[in-house]
Protein backbone atom coordinates (compact mmCIF):
# COMPACT_ATOMS: atom_id res chain seq x y z
CA UNK A 1 -26.35 64.16 91.03
CA UNK A 2 -24.33 63.56 87.89
CA UNK A 3 -27.31 62.48 85.88
CA UNK A 4 -30.72 63.88 84.98
CA UNK A 5 -32.58 61.81 87.56
CA UNK A 6 -32.21 59.54 90.54
CA UNK A 7 -34.37 57.25 92.70
CA UNK A 8 -35.34 58.76 96.02
CA UNK A 9 -38.03 58.25 98.65
CA UNK A 10 -38.76 59.67 102.10
CA UNK A 11 -40.45 58.09 105.08
CA UNK A 12 -41.75 54.58 105.48
CA UNK A 13 -39.87 51.31 105.77
CA UNK A 14 -36.41 50.52 104.44
CA UNK A 15 -35.82 50.03 100.75
CA UNK A 16 -36.25 46.39 99.83
CA UNK A 17 -33.37 44.71 97.96
CA UNK A 18 -35.79 43.35 95.38
CA UNK A 19 -37.04 46.81 94.39
CA UNK A 20 -35.91 47.29 90.81
CA UNK A 21 -35.90 50.68 89.16
CA UNK A 22 -34.19 51.84 86.00
CA UNK A 23 -34.40 54.66 83.51
CA UNK A 24 -32.41 55.84 80.46
CA UNK A 25 -29.02 54.21 80.57
CA UNK A 26 -30.14 52.42 83.70
CA UNK A 27 -30.67 55.58 85.68
CA UNK A 28 -33.39 55.10 88.32
CA UNK A 29 -36.11 57.71 88.07
CA UNK A 30 -38.39 58.97 90.87
CA UNK A 31 -41.57 60.97 91.00
CA UNK A 32 -42.75 62.70 94.19
CA UNK A 33 -46.17 63.91 95.29
CA UNK A 34 -46.61 67.45 96.49
CA UNK A 35 -48.03 68.08 99.98
CA UNK A 36 -51.81 67.56 99.83
CA UNK A 37 -53.20 70.32 97.66
CA UNK A 38 -54.75 70.31 94.25
CA UNK A 39 -53.74 72.28 91.23
CA UNK A 40 -55.49 72.25 87.90
CA UNK A 41 -53.54 70.03 85.50
CA UNK A 42 -54.53 67.91 82.55
CA UNK A 43 -52.72 65.83 79.98
CA UNK A 44 -53.33 66.92 76.42
CA UNK A 45 -55.33 64.21 74.75
CA UNK A 46 -55.40 63.74 71.01
CA UNK A 47 -53.00 66.65 70.46
CA UNK A 48 -49.35 66.53 69.44
CA UNK A 49 -48.42 64.36 72.41
CA UNK A 50 -51.14 61.90 71.48
CA UNK A 51 -49.48 61.34 68.12
CA UNK A 52 -45.92 60.97 69.39
CA UNK A 53 -44.52 57.47 69.84
CA UNK A 54 -41.91 56.35 72.37
CA UNK A 55 -39.67 53.29 72.16
CA UNK A 56 -38.83 51.41 75.36
CA UNK A 57 -35.64 49.38 75.57
CA UNK A 58 -36.29 45.71 75.00
CA UNK A 59 -39.47 46.39 72.98
CA UNK A 60 -39.36 45.58 69.29
CA UNK A 61 -41.85 48.26 68.27
CA UNK A 62 -42.71 51.85 69.20
CA UNK A 63 -45.13 52.38 72.06
CA UNK A 64 -48.11 54.74 71.79
CA UNK A 65 -48.83 57.11 74.71
CA UNK A 66 -51.60 54.88 76.10
CA UNK A 67 -49.32 51.83 76.05
CA UNK A 68 -46.49 53.79 77.66
CA UNK A 69 -48.86 54.97 80.40
CA UNK A 70 -49.92 51.39 81.08
CA UNK A 71 -46.27 50.36 81.26
CA UNK A 72 -45.58 53.11 83.80
CA UNK A 73 -48.58 52.12 85.90
CA UNK A 74 -47.38 48.51 86.01
CA UNK A 75 -43.87 49.62 86.94
CA UNK A 76 -44.70 51.37 90.23
CA UNK A 77 -42.61 49.68 92.93
CA UNK A 78 -43.13 52.00 95.91
CA UNK A 79 -45.94 54.25 97.14
CA UNK A 80 -45.44 55.73 100.59
CA UNK A 81 -45.03 59.15 102.17
CA UNK A 82 -44.03 61.94 99.81
CA UNK A 83 -42.53 59.70 97.15
CA UNK A 84 -43.73 57.40 94.41
CA UNK A 85 -40.98 55.22 92.89
CA UNK A 86 -41.41 53.70 89.45
CA UNK A 87 -39.37 51.79 86.91
CA UNK A 88 -39.27 54.19 83.97
CA UNK A 89 -38.55 52.41 80.69
CA UNK A 90 -35.33 53.42 78.93
CA UNK A 91 -36.04 55.49 75.85
CA UNK A 92 -38.72 57.61 77.50
CA UNK A 93 -37.17 61.02 78.30
CA UNK A 94 -37.84 62.68 81.64
CA UNK A 95 -38.52 66.16 80.23
CA UNK A 96 -38.28 65.81 76.45
CA UNK A 97 -38.36 68.39 73.70
CA UNK A 98 -41.53 70.28 72.67
CA UNK A 99 -43.99 67.84 71.12
CA UNK A 100 -42.10 64.80 72.44
CA UNK A 101 -43.68 62.21 74.72
CA UNK A 102 -42.02 62.35 78.15
CA UNK A 103 -42.42 61.20 81.74
CA UNK A 104 -43.37 64.71 82.87
CA UNK A 105 -46.10 64.89 80.22
CA UNK A 106 -47.56 61.56 81.39
CA UNK A 107 -47.53 62.33 85.13
CA UNK A 108 -51.00 63.97 85.31
CA UNK A 109 -52.60 60.98 83.59
CA UNK A 110 -50.57 58.57 85.73
CA UNK A 111 -51.76 60.36 88.88
CA UNK A 112 -55.38 59.95 87.81
CA UNK A 113 -54.93 56.25 86.98
CA UNK A 114 -53.34 55.63 90.38
CA UNK A 115 -56.03 57.62 92.20
CA UNK A 116 -53.54 59.93 93.91
CA UNK A 117 -54.93 63.14 95.47
CA UNK A 118 -51.85 65.28 94.81
CA UNK A 119 -50.09 66.31 91.64
CA UNK A 120 -46.94 64.35 90.71
CA UNK A 121 -43.59 65.95 89.96
CA UNK A 122 -40.20 64.48 89.13
CA UNK A 123 -37.76 65.01 91.97
CA UNK A 124 -35.12 67.64 91.10
CA UNK A 125 -37.05 68.90 88.09
CA UNK A 126 -37.66 72.66 88.17
CA UNK A 127 -41.23 72.28 89.47
CA UNK A 128 -40.63 69.43 91.89
CA UNK A 129 -41.82 69.14 95.48
CA UNK A 130 -39.62 71.61 97.33
CA UNK A 131 -39.78 69.96 100.76
CA UNK A 132 -38.88 66.47 99.52
CA UNK A 133 -36.23 67.78 97.14
CA UNK A 134 -34.56 69.97 99.76
CA UNK A 135 -34.40 67.09 102.24
CA UNK A 136 -32.78 64.82 99.67
CA UNK A 137 -30.37 67.48 98.49
CA UNK A 138 -29.24 68.11 102.08
CA UNK A 139 -28.84 64.38 102.67
CA UNK A 140 -26.63 63.96 99.58
CA UNK A 141 -24.62 67.10 100.29
CA UNK A 142 -23.98 66.04 103.90
CA UNK A 143 -22.91 62.56 102.78
CA UNK A 144 -20.42 63.97 100.28
CA UNK A 145 -19.01 66.38 102.87
CA UNK A 146 -18.39 63.38 105.14
CA UNK A 147 -16.37 61.72 102.37
CA UNK A 148 -19.07 59.19 101.53
CA UNK A 149 -20.51 57.98 98.24
CA UNK A 150 -24.32 58.15 98.16
CA UNK A 151 -24.45 57.08 94.49
CA UNK A 152 -22.73 54.22 92.67
CA UNK A 153 -22.70 53.85 88.90
CA UNK A 154 -21.56 51.11 86.54
CA UNK A 155 -20.16 51.96 83.11
CA UNK A 156 -18.96 49.97 80.13
CA UNK A 157 -15.93 51.73 78.65
CA UNK A 158 -14.05 51.54 75.38
CA UNK A 159 -10.56 51.09 76.78
CA UNK A 160 -9.21 49.87 80.10
CA UNK A 161 -7.75 52.28 82.69
CA UNK A 162 -4.02 51.97 83.32
CA UNK A 163 -4.67 51.61 87.06
CA UNK A 164 -7.24 49.18 88.47
CA UNK A 165 -8.48 51.75 90.98
CA UNK A 166 -8.05 55.45 91.45
CA UNK A 167 -9.56 58.94 91.48
CA UNK A 168 -10.26 61.48 88.77
CA UNK A 169 -9.93 65.08 89.93
CA UNK A 170 -10.49 68.08 87.73
CA UNK A 171 -12.37 71.34 87.48
CA UNK A 172 -15.40 71.42 85.19
CA UNK A 173 -17.10 74.36 83.56
CA UNK A 174 -19.48 75.22 80.75
CA UNK A 175 -17.88 76.56 77.57
CA UNK A 176 -19.49 78.05 74.50
CA UNK A 177 -18.58 76.26 71.26
CA UNK A 178 -20.29 77.70 68.22
CA UNK A 179 -24.03 77.70 68.84
CA UNK A 180 -23.92 75.26 71.75
CA UNK A 181 -22.41 74.94 75.22
CA UNK A 182 -20.36 71.96 76.35
CA UNK A 183 -18.84 70.79 79.62
CA UNK A 184 -15.04 70.94 79.52
CA UNK A 185 -12.35 70.04 82.08
CA UNK A 186 -10.16 72.67 83.74
CA UNK A 187 -7.13 70.74 85.08
CA UNK A 188 -5.85 73.50 87.39
CA UNK A 189 -8.69 75.92 88.19
CA UNK A 190 -7.74 79.19 89.88
CA UNK A 191 -9.09 80.26 93.24
CA UNK A 192 -10.97 83.18 91.73
CA UNK A 193 -12.77 81.05 89.15
CA UNK A 194 -13.74 78.57 91.89
CA UNK A 195 -14.90 81.36 94.22
CA UNK A 196 -16.99 82.92 91.43
CA UNK A 197 -18.37 79.44 90.69
CA UNK A 198 -17.26 79.70 87.09
CA UNK A 199 -15.50 76.36 87.63
CA UNK A 200 -16.42 73.54 90.01
CA UNK A 201 -13.85 71.18 91.50
CA UNK A 202 -15.00 67.59 90.87
CA UNK A 203 -13.91 64.15 92.03
CA UNK A 204 -14.88 60.61 91.04
CA UNK A 205 -13.55 57.38 92.52
CA UNK A 206 -13.36 54.48 90.05
CA UNK A 207 -12.64 50.77 90.25
CA UNK A 208 -12.26 48.24 87.42
CA UNK A 209 -14.69 45.34 87.95
CA UNK A 210 -13.63 43.44 84.85
CA UNK A 211 -11.97 43.79 81.45
CA UNK A 212 -12.16 41.88 78.17
CA UNK A 213 -11.14 42.61 74.60
CA UNK A 214 -10.09 46.20 75.23
CA UNK A 215 -13.30 47.11 77.08
CA UNK A 216 -13.99 47.35 80.80
CA UNK A 217 -16.78 47.41 83.37
CA UNK A 218 -16.13 50.20 85.86
CA UNK A 219 -17.65 51.11 89.20
CA UNK A 220 -17.91 54.90 89.53
CA UNK A 221 -18.61 56.76 92.77
CA UNK A 222 -18.78 60.55 92.33
CA UNK A 223 -18.06 62.71 95.37
CA UNK A 224 -19.38 65.78 93.55
CA UNK A 225 -22.28 66.52 91.24
CA UNK A 226 -21.90 68.38 87.95
CA UNK A 227 -23.75 67.90 84.64
CA UNK A 228 -22.03 65.26 82.48
CA UNK A 229 -19.35 64.78 85.14
CA UNK A 230 -18.97 61.04 84.66
CA UNK A 231 -18.73 60.97 80.83
CA UNK A 232 -16.17 63.78 80.92
CA UNK A 233 -14.16 62.08 83.67
CA UNK A 234 -14.10 58.85 81.65
CA UNK A 235 -12.63 60.68 78.66
CA UNK A 236 -9.87 61.98 80.96
CA UNK A 237 -9.13 58.32 81.76
CA UNK A 238 -8.90 57.83 77.96
CA UNK A 239 -11.71 55.30 78.37
CA UNK A 240 -14.95 56.89 77.12
CA UNK A 241 -18.25 55.27 77.98
CA UNK A 242 -19.69 53.01 75.31
CA UNK A 243 -22.45 54.93 73.54
CA UNK A 244 -21.09 58.36 74.50
CA UNK A 245 -21.78 60.25 71.28
CA UNK A 246 -21.01 63.61 72.88
CA UNK A 247 -17.58 63.38 74.52
CA UNK A 248 -15.90 60.24 73.14
CA UNK A 249 -14.48 62.06 70.09
CA UNK A 250 -12.03 63.77 72.46
CA UNK A 251 -10.14 60.47 72.73
CA UNK A 252 -8.03 60.00 69.60
CA UNK A 253 -5.68 57.14 68.71
CA UNK A 254 -2.32 56.93 66.96
CA UNK A 255 -1.09 53.40 66.25
CA UNK A 256 -3.59 52.16 68.82
CA UNK A 257 -2.34 54.47 71.59
CA UNK A 258 -5.08 56.77 72.98
CA UNK A 259 -4.53 60.47 73.58
CA UNK A 260 -6.71 63.41 74.61
CA UNK A 261 -7.75 66.06 72.11
CA UNK A 262 -8.66 69.62 73.18
CA UNK A 263 -12.44 70.22 73.29
CA UNK A 264 -12.41 72.59 70.31
CA UNK A 265 -10.65 69.97 68.16
CA UNK A 266 -13.22 67.27 68.89
CA UNK A 267 -16.65 68.06 67.41
CA UNK A 268 -19.62 66.13 68.75
CA UNK A 269 -20.32 63.10 66.59
CA UNK A 270 -21.45 59.50 66.71
CA UNK A 271 -18.95 57.42 68.65
CA UNK A 272 -16.44 55.68 66.40
CA UNK A 273 -15.80 51.97 67.08
CA UNK A 274 -13.51 49.57 65.23
CA UNK A 275 -14.89 46.71 63.14
CA UNK A 276 -13.95 44.04 65.67
CA UNK A 277 -15.84 45.72 68.51
CA UNK A 278 -18.83 46.38 66.24
CA UNK A 279 -18.89 42.71 65.34
CA UNK A 280 -18.77 41.64 68.98
CA UNK A 281 -21.65 44.02 69.75
CA UNK A 282 -23.64 42.71 66.78
CA UNK A 283 -23.91 46.19 65.24
CA UNK A 284 -23.38 47.64 61.79
CA UNK A 285 -21.82 51.11 61.30
CA UNK A 286 -25.28 52.38 60.34
CA UNK A 287 -26.65 51.32 63.75
CA UNK A 288 -24.00 53.09 65.82
CA UNK A 289 -26.07 56.22 66.38
CA UNK A 290 -28.68 54.07 68.14
CA UNK A 291 -26.16 52.69 70.65
CA UNK A 292 -27.30 53.93 74.10
CA UNK A 293 -24.99 55.42 76.70
CA UNK A 294 -23.75 52.54 78.88
CA UNK A 295 -23.78 54.42 82.18
CA UNK A 296 -26.04 52.88 84.83
CA UNK A 297 -26.98 54.18 88.28
CA UNK A 298 -26.61 50.91 90.18
CA UNK A 299 -27.22 52.01 93.76
CA UNK A 300 -28.53 55.08 95.53
CA UNK A 301 -28.27 55.39 99.31
CA UNK A 302 -31.37 57.03 100.74
CA UNK A 303 -32.15 58.22 104.28
CA UNK A 304 -33.76 54.82 105.01
CA UNK A 305 -31.14 52.68 103.28
CA UNK A 306 -29.82 51.70 99.83
CA UNK A 307 -31.99 51.19 96.78
CA UNK A 308 -30.42 49.04 94.04
CA UNK A 309 -31.34 48.87 90.36
CA UNK A 310 -30.46 46.12 87.87
CA UNK A 311 -29.01 47.19 84.53
CA UNK A 312 -31.53 47.57 81.68
CA UNK A 313 -31.63 44.91 78.92
CA UNK A 314 -29.25 46.68 76.47
CA UNK A 315 -26.60 47.02 79.20
CA UNK A 316 -26.90 43.34 80.12
CA UNK A 317 -26.71 42.27 76.46
CA UNK A 318 -23.49 44.26 76.05
CA UNK A 319 -21.95 42.63 79.13
CA UNK A 320 -22.72 39.19 77.71
CA UNK A 321 -21.45 40.00 74.22
CA UNK A 322 -18.19 41.48 75.50
CA UNK A 323 -17.60 38.80 78.13
CA UNK A 324 -17.68 41.27 81.01
CA UNK A 325 -18.86 40.29 84.52
CA UNK A 326 -22.53 40.56 85.37
CA UNK A 327 -24.01 42.99 87.91
CA UNK A 328 -22.79 42.81 91.47
CA UNK A 329 -23.39 44.69 94.69
CA UNK A 330 -21.30 47.87 94.99
CA UNK A 331 -18.38 47.84 97.40
CA UNK A 332 -19.51 48.47 100.98
CA UNK A 333 -15.99 49.22 102.19
CA UNK A 334 -15.73 52.66 100.61
CA UNK A 335 -17.07 55.03 103.27
CA UNK A 336 -20.52 53.45 103.74
CA UNK A 337 -23.27 55.76 104.92
CA UNK A 338 -24.37 55.28 108.53
CA UNK A 339 -27.99 54.38 109.35
CA UNK A 340 -30.23 57.45 109.30
């Protein structure tokens, strides 16, 4: 997938339309139980993690670990088979940095509170349930090979694409820049670089759902999966995602006309927005660094059917402030997946 996490489940009845899951930037987040076996795990209590605070979107104050755990327990929307689906609050990282409160760190305690016999792991994380993960990976890979779109995203962009609908095709690769690595496009990758997997050919279908005041709401359906694929593809459209503080600086403007800068000429920085857009968003320049990435995983097609997720509160507030259309069901005419 193009993001750090997705919502998946195996076995049991079809996904219910009212099931609502969302994570950072609206990305649904799953956790799966390993096949019945116990392993010794414990959540550190009273240590560094116990002193770290997390802030959930829509909450006016930081949340302590115990409060965050209670929020996760109340957000479980599906428990069946190998998968547990929950509505992870935005602002809580999946993995996190050392000493930072994260979903993975809270899973042992969440398992105990839910009375589950098996250890919980986030699907697609390095230590996830291999059987469940492999089944889902095969399902997604097969769907993409058949020309279908198992995932549908919504994004708020700064700028409106020249065409109302189209495809973004490019190679993507990792490139060292100073002391960090970044994802950069390779417009015409060679056969050797593709064969050696130094570059991956990527494709995203997009459709404009609405536009207002120089911003747009886009539907994005990636046919491939590469880290940061969607934010990079949006910069190639000259319409970076709102809140993209990593890639948006590649889109420059001269007399209001956007153009693309080479990666090495565009250092990572807080996204720059004009005063009018800041005013419409109700933000000051000092608050820009807190603007979240407006990229939301709206629907994920699973073996038993689609699972939809409403946008998180910050995404919905932005739609209202900018006068963009509210959430809608993704198009079912673009290569729908057959019943499984």
